[in-house]
PDB file of N, CA and C in Angstrom:
ATOM      1  N   MET A   1     -14.141 -10.015  -3.934  1.00  0.00           N
ATOM      2  CA  MET A   1     -12.723 -10.224  -3.701  1.00  0.00           C
ATOM      3  C   MET A   1     -11.891  -9.705  -4.859  1.00  0.00           C
ATOM      4  N   GLY A   2     -12.357  -9.895  -6.091  1.00  0.00           N
ATOM      5  CA  GLY A   2     -11.616  -9.478  -7.268  1.00  0.00           C
ATOM      6  C   GLY A   2     -11.382  -7.983  -7.289  1.00  0.00           C
ATOM      7  N   THR A   3     -12.339  -7.212  -6.794  1.00  0.00           N
ATOM      8  CA  THR A   3     -12.206  -5.764  -6.773  1.00  0.00           C
ATOM      9  C   THR A   3     -11.075  -5.338  -5.854  1.00  0.00           C
ATOM     10  N   ASN A   4     -10.950  -5.977  -4.691  1.00  0.00           N
ATOM     11  CA  ASN A   4      -9.873  -5.638  -3.761  1.00  0.00           C
ATOM     12  C   ASN A   4      -8.513  -5.932  -4.371  1.00  0.00           C
ATOM     13  N   ASP A   5      -8.391  -7.046  -5.080  1.00  0.00           N
ATOM     14  CA  ASP A   5      -7.131  -7.381  -5.734  1.00  0.00           C
ATOM     15  C   ASP A   5      -6.781  -6.340  -6.780  1.00  0.00           C
ATOM     16  N   ASN A   6      -7.784  -5.894  -7.541  1.00  0.00           N
ATOM     17  CA  ASN A   6      -7.553  -4.862  -8.546  1.00  0.00           C
ATOM     18  C   ASN A   6      -7.154  -3.551  -7.895  1.00  0.00           C
ATOM     19  N   ASP A   7      -7.822  -3.201  -6.788  1.00  0.00           N
ATOM     20  CA  ASP A   7      -7.490  -1.977  -6.071  1.00  0.00           C
ATOM     21  C   ASP A   7      -6.070  -2.034  -5.523  1.00  0.00           C
ATOM     22  N   GLN A   8      -5.692  -3.184  -4.979  1.00  0.00           N
ATOM     23  CA  GLN A   8      -4.352  -3.334  -4.411  1.00  0.00           C
ATOM     24  C   GLN A   8      -3.296  -3.259  -5.498  1.00  0.00           C
ATOM     25  N   SER A   9      -3.526  -3.912  -6.626  1.00  0.00           N
ATOM     26  CA  SER A   9      -2.535  -3.873  -7.697  1.00  0.00           C
ATOM     27  C   SER A   9      -2.449  -2.475  -8.291  1.00  0.00           C
ATOM     28  N   ALA A  10      -3.559  -1.759  -8.361  1.00  0.00           N
ATOM     29  CA  ALA A  10      -3.536  -0.379  -8.843  1.00  0.00           C
ATOM     30  C   ALA A  10      -2.751   0.502  -7.881  1.00  0.00           C
ATOM     31  N   LEU A  11      -2.947   0.289  -6.581  1.00  0.00           N
ATOM     32  CA  LEU A  11      -2.230   1.070  -5.580  1.00  0.00           C
ATOM     33  C   LEU A  11      -0.734   0.810  -5.657  1.00  0.00           C
ATOM     34  N   VAL A  12      -0.357  -0.440  -5.798  1.00  0.00           N
ATOM     35  CA  VAL A  12       1.061  -0.793  -5.913  1.00  0.00           C
ATOM     36  C   VAL A  12       1.650  -0.167  -7.174  1.00  0.00           C
ATOM     37  N   SER A  13       0.909  -0.196  -8.268  1.00  0.00           N
ATOM     38  CA  SER A  13       1.392   0.402  -9.521  1.00  0.00           C
ATOM     39  C   SER A  13       1.580   1.907  -9.375  1.00  0.00           C
ATOM     40  N   ILE A  14       0.634   2.551  -8.722  1.00  0.00           N
ATOM     41  CA  ILE A  14       0.739   3.999  -8.518  1.00  0.00           C
ATOM     42  C   ILE A  14       1.948   4.325  -7.653  1.00  0.00           C
ATOM     43  N   LEU A  15       2.123   3.583  -6.566  1.00  0.00           N
ATOM     44  CA  LEU A  15       3.258   3.842  -5.673  1.00  0.00           C
ATOM     45  C   LEU A  15       4.580   3.586  -6.383  1.00  0.00           C
ATOM     46  N   ALA A  16       4.642   2.540  -7.192  1.00  0.00           N
ATOM     47  CA  ALA A  16       5.865   2.255  -7.937  1.00  0.00           C
ATOM     48  C   ALA A  16       6.148   3.373  -8.927  1.00  0.00           C
ATOM     49  N   GLY A  17       5.127   3.852  -9.601  1.00  0.00           N
ATOM     50  CA  GLY A  17       5.295   4.949 -10.556  1.00  0.00           C
ATOM     51  C   GLY A  17       5.784   6.218  -9.888  1.00  0.00           C
ATOM     52  N   ILE A  18       5.211   6.517  -8.729  1.00  0.00           N
ATOM     53  CA  ILE A  18       5.645   7.702  -7.988  1.00  0.00           C
ATOM     54  C   ILE A  18       7.096   7.551  -7.559  1.00  0.00           C
ATOM     55  N   GLY A  19       7.445   6.383  -7.039  1.00  0.00           N
ATOM     56  CA  GLY A  19       8.818   6.144  -6.594  1.00  0.00           C
ATOM     57  C   GLY A  19       9.815   6.271  -7.726  1.00  0.00           C
ATOM     58  N   ILE A  20       9.491   5.692  -8.868  1.00  0.00           N
ATOM     59  CA  ILE A  20      10.391   5.769 -10.023  1.00  0.00           C
ATOM     60  C   ILE A  20      10.498   7.210 -10.510  1.00  0.00           C
ATOM     61  N   GLY A  21       9.381   7.911 -10.535  1.00  0.00           N
ATOM     62  CA  GLY A  21       9.399   9.318 -10.965  1.00  0.00           C
ATOM     63  C   GLY A  21      10.256  10.185 -10.058  1.00  0.00           C
ATOM     64  N   VAL A  22      10.131   9.978  -8.763  1.00  0.00           N
ATOM     65  CA  VAL A  22      10.947  10.738  -7.811  1.00  0.00           C
ATOM     66  C   VAL A  22      12.422  10.415  -8.002  1.00  0.00           C
ATOM     67  N   LEU A  23      12.723   9.145  -8.172  1.00  0.00           N
ATOM     68  CA  LEU A  23      14.110   8.730  -8.359  1.00  0.00           C
ATOM     69  C   LEU A  23      14.705   9.342  -9.625  1.00  0.00           C
ATOM     70  N   VAL A  24      13.980   9.266 -10.730  1.00  0.00           N
ATOM     71  CA  VAL A  24      14.480   9.825 -11.996  1.00  0.00           C
ATOM     72  C   VAL A  24      14.649  11.339 -11.877  1.00  0.00           C
ATOM     73  N   GLY A  25      13.702  12.006 -11.266  1.00  0.00           N
ATOM     74  CA  GLY A  25      13.802  13.458 -11.091  1.00  0.00           C
ATOM     75  C   GLY A  25      14.983  13.858 -10.228  1.00  0.00           C
ATOM     76  N   ALA A  26      15.191  13.111  -9.144  1.00  0.00           N
ATOM     77  CA  ALA A  26      16.317  13.420  -8.256  1.00  0.00           C
ATOM     78  C   ALA A  26      17.640  13.198  -8.969  1.00  0.00           C
ATOM     79  N   MET A  27      17.726  12.106  -9.706  1.00  0.00           N
ATOM     80  CA  MET A  27      18.964  11.821 -10.437  1.00  0.00           C
ATOM     81  C   MET A  27      19.238  12.892 -11.488  1.00  0.00           C
ATOM     82  N   ALA A  28      18.212  13.277 -12.226  1.00  0.00           N
ATOM     83  CA  ALA A  28      18.401  14.301 -13.261  1.00  0.00           C
ATOM     84  C   ALA A  28      18.843  15.618 -12.636  1.00  0.00           C
ATOM     85  N   GLY A  29      18.221  15.987 -11.532  1.00  0.00           N
ATOM     86  CA  GLY A  29      18.600  17.224 -10.858  1.00  0.00           C
ATOM     87  C   GLY A  29      20.029  17.196 -10.370  1.00  0.00           C
ATOM     88  N   LEU A  30      20.439  16.076  -9.819  1.00  0.00           N
ATOM     89  CA  LEU A  30      21.803  15.975  -9.306  1.00  0.00           C
ATOM     90  C   LEU A  30      22.836  15.934 -10.429  1.00  0.00           C
ATOM     91  N   LEU A  31      22.514  15.228 -11.496  1.00  0.00           N
ATOM     92  CA  LEU A  31      23.466  15.114 -12.599  1.00  0.00           C
ATOM     93  C   LEU A  31      23.613  16.414 -13.385  1.00  0.00           C
ATOM     94  N   LEU A  32      22.572  17.208 -13.420  1.00  0.00           N
ATOM     95  CA  LEU A  32      22.632  18.455 -14.165  1.00  0.00           C
ATOM     96  C   LEU A  32      23.145  19.629 -13.330  1.00  0.00           C
ATOM     97  N   ALA A  33      23.322  19.419 -12.042  1.00  0.00           N
ATOM     98  CA  ALA A  33      23.831  20.477 -11.165  1.00  0.00           C
ATOM     99  C   ALA A  33      25.325  20.692 -11.425  1.00  0.00           C
ATOM    100  N   PRO A  34      25.768  21.940 -11.367  1.00  0.00           N
ATOM    101  CA  PRO A  34      27.191  22.229 -11.618  1.00  0.00           C
ATOM    102  C   PRO A  34      28.067  21.907 -10.402  1.00  0.00           C
ATOM    103  N   LYS A  35      28.386  20.630 -10.227  1.00  0.00           N
ATOM    104  CA  LYS A  35      29.228  20.196  -9.107  1.00  0.00           C
ATOM    105  C   LYS A  35      30.295  19.260  -9.630  1.00  0.00           C
ATOM    106  N   ALA A  36      31.270  19.027  -8.771  1.00  0.00           N
ATOM    107  CA  ALA A  36      32.314  18.058  -9.109  1.00  0.00           C
ATOM    108  C   ALA A  36      31.715  16.654  -9.094  1.00  0.00           C
ATOM    109  N   GLY A  37      32.333  15.719  -9.802  1.00  0.00           N
ATOM    110  CA  GLY A  37      31.830  14.355  -9.891  1.00  0.00           C
ATOM    111  C   GLY A  37      31.682  13.680  -8.547  1.00  0.00           C
ATOM    112  N   SER A  38      32.674  13.866  -7.671  1.00  0.00           N
ATOM    113  CA  SER A  38      32.609  13.206  -6.357  1.00  0.00           C
ATOM    114  C   SER A  38      31.457  13.759  -5.529  1.00  0.00           C
ATOM    115  N   GLU A  39      31.218  15.065  -5.622  1.00  0.00           N
ATOM    116  CA  GLU A  39      30.101  15.662  -4.885  1.00  0.00           C
ATOM    117  C   GLU A  39      28.772  15.145  -5.434  1.00  0.00           C
ATOM    118  N   SER A  40      28.688  15.050  -6.751  1.00  0.00           N
ATOM    119  CA  SER A  40      27.451  14.535  -7.367  1.00  0.00           C
ATOM    120  C   SER A  40      27.200  13.094  -6.953  1.00  0.00           C
ATOM    121  N   ARG A  41      28.248  12.269  -6.922  1.00  0.00           N
ATOM    122  CA  ARG A  41      28.074  10.868  -6.513  1.00  0.00           C
ATOM    123  C   ARG A  41      27.623  10.772  -5.067  1.00  0.00           C
ATOM    124  N   GLU A  42      28.184  11.619  -4.210  1.00  0.00           N
ATOM    125  CA  GLU A  42      27.762  11.621  -2.803  1.00  0.00           C
ATOM    126  C   GLU A  42      26.297  12.037  -2.687  1.00  0.00           C
ATOM    127  N   ASP A  43      25.925  13.072  -3.455  1.00  0.00           N
ATOM    128  CA  ASP A  43      24.536  13.533  -3.420  1.00  0.00           C
ATOM    129  C   ASP A  43      23.588  12.463  -3.935  1.00  0.00           C
ATOM    130  N   ILE A  44      23.990  11.773  -5.007  1.00  0.00           N
ATOM    131  CA  ILE A  44      23.162  10.704  -5.557  1.00  0.00           C
ATOM    132  C   ILE A  44      23.016   9.580  -4.539  1.00  0.00           C
ATOM    133  N   SER A  45      24.118   9.215  -3.910  1.00  0.00           N
ATOM    134  CA  SER A  45      24.081   8.148  -2.911  1.00  0.00           C
ATOM    135  C   SER A  45      23.155   8.515  -1.755  1.00  0.00           C
ATOM    136  N   LYS A  46      23.245   9.748  -1.305  1.00  0.00           N
ATOM    137  CA  LYS A  46      22.402  10.218  -0.199  1.00  0.00           C
ATOM    138  C   LYS A  46      20.928  10.253  -0.623  1.00  0.00           C
ATOM    139  N   ALA A  47      20.682  10.725  -1.847  1.00  0.00           N
ATOM    140  CA  ALA A  47      19.303  10.800  -2.337  1.00  0.00           C
ATOM    141  C   ALA A  47      18.696   9.409  -2.478  1.00  0.00           C
ATOM    142  N   VAL A  48      19.466   8.452  -2.985  1.00  0.00           N
ATOM    143  CA  VAL A  48      18.971   7.085  -3.128  1.00  0.00           C
ATOM    144  C   VAL A  48      18.693   6.475  -1.759  1.00  0.00           C
ATOM    145  N   SER A  49      19.567   6.731  -0.812  1.00  0.00           N
ATOM    146  CA  SER A  49      19.374   6.214   0.545  1.00  0.00           C
ATOM    147  C   SER A  49      18.107   6.802   1.168  1.00  0.00           C
ATOM    148  N   ASP A  50      17.923   8.114   1.024  1.00  0.00           N
ATOM    149  CA  ASP A  50      16.725   8.766   1.563  1.00  0.00           C
ATOM    150  C   ASP A  50      15.464   8.234   0.892  1.00  0.00           C
ATOM    151  N   LEU A  51      15.538   8.077  -0.427  1.00  0.00           N
ATOM    152  CA  LEU A  51      14.379   7.579  -1.162  1.00  0.00           C
ATOM    153  C   LEU A  51      14.046   6.153  -0.744  1.00  0.00           C
ATOM    154  N   THR A  52      15.054   5.338  -0.554  1.00  0.00           N
ATOM    155  CA  THR A  52      14.839   3.958  -0.115  1.00  0.00           C
ATOM    156  C   THR A  52      14.149   3.933   1.239  1.00  0.00           C
ATOM    157  N   ASP A  53      14.585   4.803   2.142  1.00  0.00           N
ATOM    158  CA  ASP A  53      13.949   4.877   3.463  1.00  0.00           C
ATOM    159  C   ASP A  53      12.494   5.309   3.350  1.00  0.00           C
ATOM    160  N   LYS A  54      12.239   6.319   2.515  1.00  0.00           N
ATOM    161  CA  LYS A  54      10.865   6.815   2.360  1.00  0.00           C
ATOM    162  C   LYS A  54       9.962   5.758   1.742  1.00  0.00           C
ATOM    163  N   ILE A  55      10.464   5.044   0.738  1.00  0.00           N
ATOM    164  CA  ILE A  55       9.668   3.990   0.103  1.00  0.00           C
ATOM    165  C   ILE A  55       9.388   2.875   1.098  1.00  0.00           C
ATOM    166  N   SER A  56      10.369   2.547   1.919  1.00  0.00           N
ATOM    167  CA  SER A  56      10.181   1.512   2.935  1.00  0.00           C
ATOM    168  C   SER A  56       9.096   1.928   3.931  1.00  0.00           C
ATOM    169  N   GLN A  57       9.150   3.171   4.374  1.00  0.00           N
ATOM    170  CA  GLN A  57       8.144   3.671   5.310  1.00  0.00           C
ATOM    171  C   GLN A  57       6.760   3.669   4.670  1.00  0.00           C
ATOM    172  N   LEU A  58       6.690   4.098   3.415  1.00  0.00           N
ATOM    173  CA  LEU A  58       5.416   4.129   2.718  1.00  0.00           C
ATOM    174  C   LEU A  58       4.870   2.712   2.544  1.00  0.00           C
ATOM    175  N   GLY A  59       5.736   1.783   2.226  1.00  0.00           N
ATOM    176  CA  GLY A  59       5.320   0.390   2.096  1.00  0.00           C
ATOM    177  C   GLY A  59       4.769  -0.162   3.395  1.00  0.00           C
ATOM    178  N   GLN A  60       5.409   0.188   4.495  1.00  0.00           N
ATOM    179  CA  GLN A  60       4.927  -0.262   5.799  1.00  0.00           C
ATOM    180  C   GLN A  60       3.556   0.339   6.113  1.00  0.00           C
ATOM    181  N   GLN A  61       3.378   1.621   5.771  1.00  0.00           N
ATOM    182  CA  GLN A  61       2.089   2.266   6.013  1.00  0.00           C
ATOM    183  C   GLN A  61       0.992   1.616   5.176  1.00  0.00           C
ATOM    184  N   VAL A  62       1.289   1.364   3.904  1.00  0.00           N
ATOM    185  CA  VAL A  62       0.308   0.718   3.033  1.00  0.00           C
ATOM    186  C   VAL A  62      -0.015  -0.672   3.552  1.00  0.00           C
ATOM    187  N   SER A  63       1.005  -1.405   3.968  1.00  0.00           N
ATOM    188  CA  SER A  63       0.806  -2.752   4.496  1.00  0.00           C
ATOM    189  C   SER A  63      -0.088  -2.720   5.728  1.00  0.00           C
ATOM    190  N   THR A  64       0.149  -1.786   6.610  1.00  0.00           N
ATOM    191  CA  THR A  64      -0.656  -1.659   7.831  1.00  0.00           C
ATOM    192  C   THR A  64      -2.109  -1.343   7.486  1.00  0.00           C
ATOM    193  N   ARG A  65      -2.309  -0.416   6.556  1.00  0.00           N
ATOM    194  CA  ARG A  65      -3.675  -0.039   6.187  1.00  0.00           C
ATOM    195  C   ARG A  65      -4.399  -1.192   5.502  1.00  0.00           C
ATOM    196  N   LEU A  66      -3.693  -1.925   4.651  1.00  0.00           N
ATOM    197  CA  LEU A  66      -4.310  -3.073   3.988  1.00  0.00           C
ATOM    198  C   LEU A  66      -4.678  -4.144   5.000  1.00  0.00           C
ATOM    199  N   LYS A  67      -3.800  -4.379   5.976  1.00  0.00           N
ATOM    200  CA  LYS A  67      -4.090  -5.379   7.010  1.00  0.00           C
ATOM    201  C   LYS A  67      -5.318  -4.966   7.813  1.00  0.00           C
ATOM    202  N   GLN A  68      -5.413  -3.680   8.141  1.00  0.00           N
ATOM    203  CA  GLN A  68      -6.583  -3.190   8.871  1.00  0.00           C
ATOM    204  C   GLN A  68      -7.852  -3.369   8.046  1.00  0.00           C
ATOM    205  N   ALA A  69      -7.764  -3.095   6.748  1.00  0.00           N
ATOM    206  CA  ALA A  69      -8.929  -3.245   5.878  1.00  0.00           C
ATOM    207  C   ALA A  69      -9.348  -4.707   5.787  1.00  0.00           C
ATOM    208  N   VAL A  70      -8.371  -5.596   5.684  1.00  0.00           N
ATOM    209  CA  VAL A  70      -8.679  -7.034   5.621  1.00  0.00           C
ATOM    210  C   VAL A  70      -9.310  -7.491   6.932  1.00  0.00           C
ATOM    211  N   ASP A  71      -8.755  -7.046   8.051  1.00  0.00           N
ATOM    212  CA  ASP A  71      -9.318  -7.422   9.348  1.00  0.00           C
ATOM    213  C   ASP A  71     -10.750  -6.907   9.500  1.00  0.00           C
ATOM    214  N   THR A  72     -10.989  -5.680   9.052  1.00  0.00           N
ATOM    215  CA  THR A  72     -12.332  -5.112   9.109  1.00  0.00           C
ATOM    216  C   THR A  72     -13.284  -5.914   8.237  1.00  0.00           C
ATOM    217  N   GLY A  73     -12.820  -6.287   7.045  1.00  0.00           N
ATOM    218  CA  GLY A  73     -13.643  -7.098   6.148  1.00  0.00           C
ATOM    219  C   GLY A  73     -13.956  -8.459   6.739  1.00  0.00           C
ATOM    220  N   LYS A  74     -12.963  -9.095   7.351  1.00  0.00           N
ATOM    221  CA  LYS A  74     -13.184 -10.398   7.989  1.00  0.00           C
ATOM    222  C   LYS A  74     -14.219 -10.282   9.105  1.00  0.00           C
ATOM    223  N   GLN A  75     -14.108  -9.226   9.892  1.00  0.00           N
ATOM    224  CA  GLN A  75     -15.046  -9.031  10.996  1.00  0.00           C
ATOM    225  C   GLN A  75     -16.457  -8.794  10.463  1.00  0.00           C
ATOM    226  N   ALA A  76     -16.574  -8.021   9.377  1.00  0.00           N
ATOM    227  CA  ALA A  76     -17.889  -7.762   8.790  1.00  0.00           C
ATOM    228  C   ALA A  76     -18.504  -9.058   8.261  1.00  0.00           C
ATOM    229  N   VAL A  77     -17.695  -9.902   7.627  1.00  0.00           N
ATOM    230  CA  VAL A  77     -18.188 -11.183   7.117  1.00  0.00           C
ATOM    231  C   VAL A  77     -18.618 -12.078   8.277  1.00  0.00           C
ATOM    232  N   ALA A  78     -17.821 -12.110   9.335  1.00  0.00           N
ATOM    233  CA  ALA A  78     -18.167 -12.933  10.498  1.00  0.00           C
ATOM    234  C   ALA A  78     -19.468 -12.446  11.123  1.00  0.00           C
ATOM    235  N   ASN A  79     -19.635 -11.138  11.227  1.00  0.00           N
ATOM    236  CA  ASN A  79     -20.869 -10.587  11.796  1.00  0.00           C
ATOM    237  C   ASN A  79     -22.073 -10.928  10.922  1.00  0.00           C
ATOM    238  N   LYS A  80     -21.908 -10.799   9.617  1.00  0.00           N
ATOM    239  CA  LYS A  80     -23.002 -11.091   8.697  1.00  0.00           C
ATOM    240  C   LYS A  80     -23.368 -12.575   8.751  1.00  0.00           C
ATOM    241  N   LEU A  81     -22.359 -13.429   8.826  1.00  0.00           N
ATOM    242  CA  LEU A  81     -22.597 -14.863   8.938  1.00  0.00           C
ATOM    243  C   LEU A  81     -23.347 -15.191  10.217  1.00  0.00           C
ATOM    244  N   GLN A  82     -22.959 -14.544  11.293  1.00  0.00           N
ATOM    245  CA  GLN A  82     -23.624 -14.768  12.574  1.00  0.00           C
ATOM    246  C   GLN A  82     -25.081 -14.296  12.507  1.00  0.00           C
ATOM    247  N   GLU A  83     -25.317 -13.134  11.888  1.00  0.00           N
ATOM    248  CA  GLU A  83     -26.689 -12.625  11.742  1.00  0.00           C
ATOM    249  C   GLU A  83     -27.521 -13.575  10.887  1.00  0.00           C
ATOM    250  N   THR A  84     -26.927 -14.058   9.797  1.00  0.00           N
ATOM    251  CA  THR A  84     -27.636 -14.965   8.896  1.00  0.00           C
ATOM    252  C   THR A  84     -27.969 -16.272   9.601  1.00  0.00           C
ATOM    253  N   THR A  85     -27.029 -16.793  10.372  1.00  0.00           N
ATOM    254  CA  THR A  85     -27.253 -18.029  11.118  1.00  0.00           C
ATOM    255  C   THR A  85     -28.362 -17.840  12.151  1.00  0.00           C
ATOM    256  N   ALA A  86     -28.344 -16.708  12.834  1.00  0.00           N
ATOM    257  CA  ALA A  86     -29.369 -16.424  13.838  1.00  0.00           C
ATOM    258  C   ALA A  86     -30.738 -16.278  13.173  1.00  0.00           C
ATOM    259  N   ALA A  87     -30.773 -15.609  12.025  1.00  0.00           N
ATOM    260  CA  ALA A  87     -32.049 -15.430  11.315  1.00  0.00           C
ATOM    261  C   ALA A  87     -32.573 -16.757  10.811  1.00  0.00           C
ATOM    262  N   ALA A  88     -31.685 -17.605  10.320  1.00  0.00           N
ATOM    263  CA  ALA A  88     -32.100 -18.919   9.832  1.00  0.00           C
ATOM    264  C   ALA A  88     -32.615 -19.780  10.982  1.00  0.00           C
ATOM    265  N   SER A  89     -31.975 -19.680  12.135  1.00  0.00           N
ATOM    266  CA  SER A  89     -32.410 -20.456  13.313  1.00  0.00           C
ATOM    267  C   SER A  89     -33.791 -20.013  13.767  1.00  0.00           C
ATOM    268  N   SER A  90     -34.032 -18.709  13.789  1.00  0.00           N
ATOM    269  CA  SER A  90     -35.338 -18.218  14.241  1.00  0.00           C
ATOM    270  C   SER A  90     -36.423 -18.564  13.232  1.00  0.00           C
ATOM    271  N   THR A  91     -36.092 -18.585  11.953  1.00  0.00           N
ATOM    272  CA  THR A  91     -37.040 -18.979  10.915  1.00  0.00           C
ATOM    273  C   THR A  91     -37.401 -20.450  11.056  1.00  0.00           C
ATOM    274  N   ASP A  92     -36.399 -21.294  11.334  1.00  0.00           N
ATOM    275  CA  ASP A  92     -36.622 -22.730  11.521  1.00  0.00           C
ATOM    276  C   ASP A  92     -37.501 -22.980  12.739  1.00  0.00           C
ATOM    277  N   GLU A  93     -37.286 -22.207  13.810  1.00  0.00           N
ATOM    278  CA  GLU A  93     -38.085 -22.391  15.031  1.00  0.00           C
ATOM    279  C   GLU A  93     -39.521 -21.955  14.792  1.00  0.00           C
ATOM    280  N   ASN A  94     -39.733 -20.890  14.018  1.00  0.00           N
ATOM    281  CA  ASN A  94     -41.082 -20.416  13.730  1.00  0.00           C
ATOM    282  C   ASN A  94     -41.826 -21.375  12.805  1.00  0.00           C
ATOM    283  N   SER A  95     -41.097 -22.082  11.950  1.00  0.00           N
ATOM    284  CA  SER A  95     -41.721 -23.027  11.016  1.00  0.00           C
ATOM    285  C   SER A  95     -42.192 -24.293  11.741  1.00  0.00           C
ATOM    286  N   ALA A  96     -41.506 -24.647  12.817  1.00  0.00           N
ATOM    287  CA  ALA A  96     -41.799 -25.898  13.526  1.00  0.00           C
ATOM    288  C   ALA A  96     -42.965 -25.780  14.433  1.00  0.00           C
TER     289      ALA A  96
END
């Protein structure tokens, strides 16, 4: 279980780093472009809105994949438990 938590926190850290990097790069590009202040503010507002949408979509995708992985893990544990219970039952019957 500890490994999955570490993997998830690493994934969240990577995604946050990418998001911040994209945001800083977009802001720097817009601020250094030779445009009027009002045009730059509009571009920044649009870029932030687009980035927010993309991060939201990415978060939803990550959430969906993590949920699928958890469900798969739960099913694997349930199957293993069932196999172990069946093996223990057959061992008990053979001992008697």
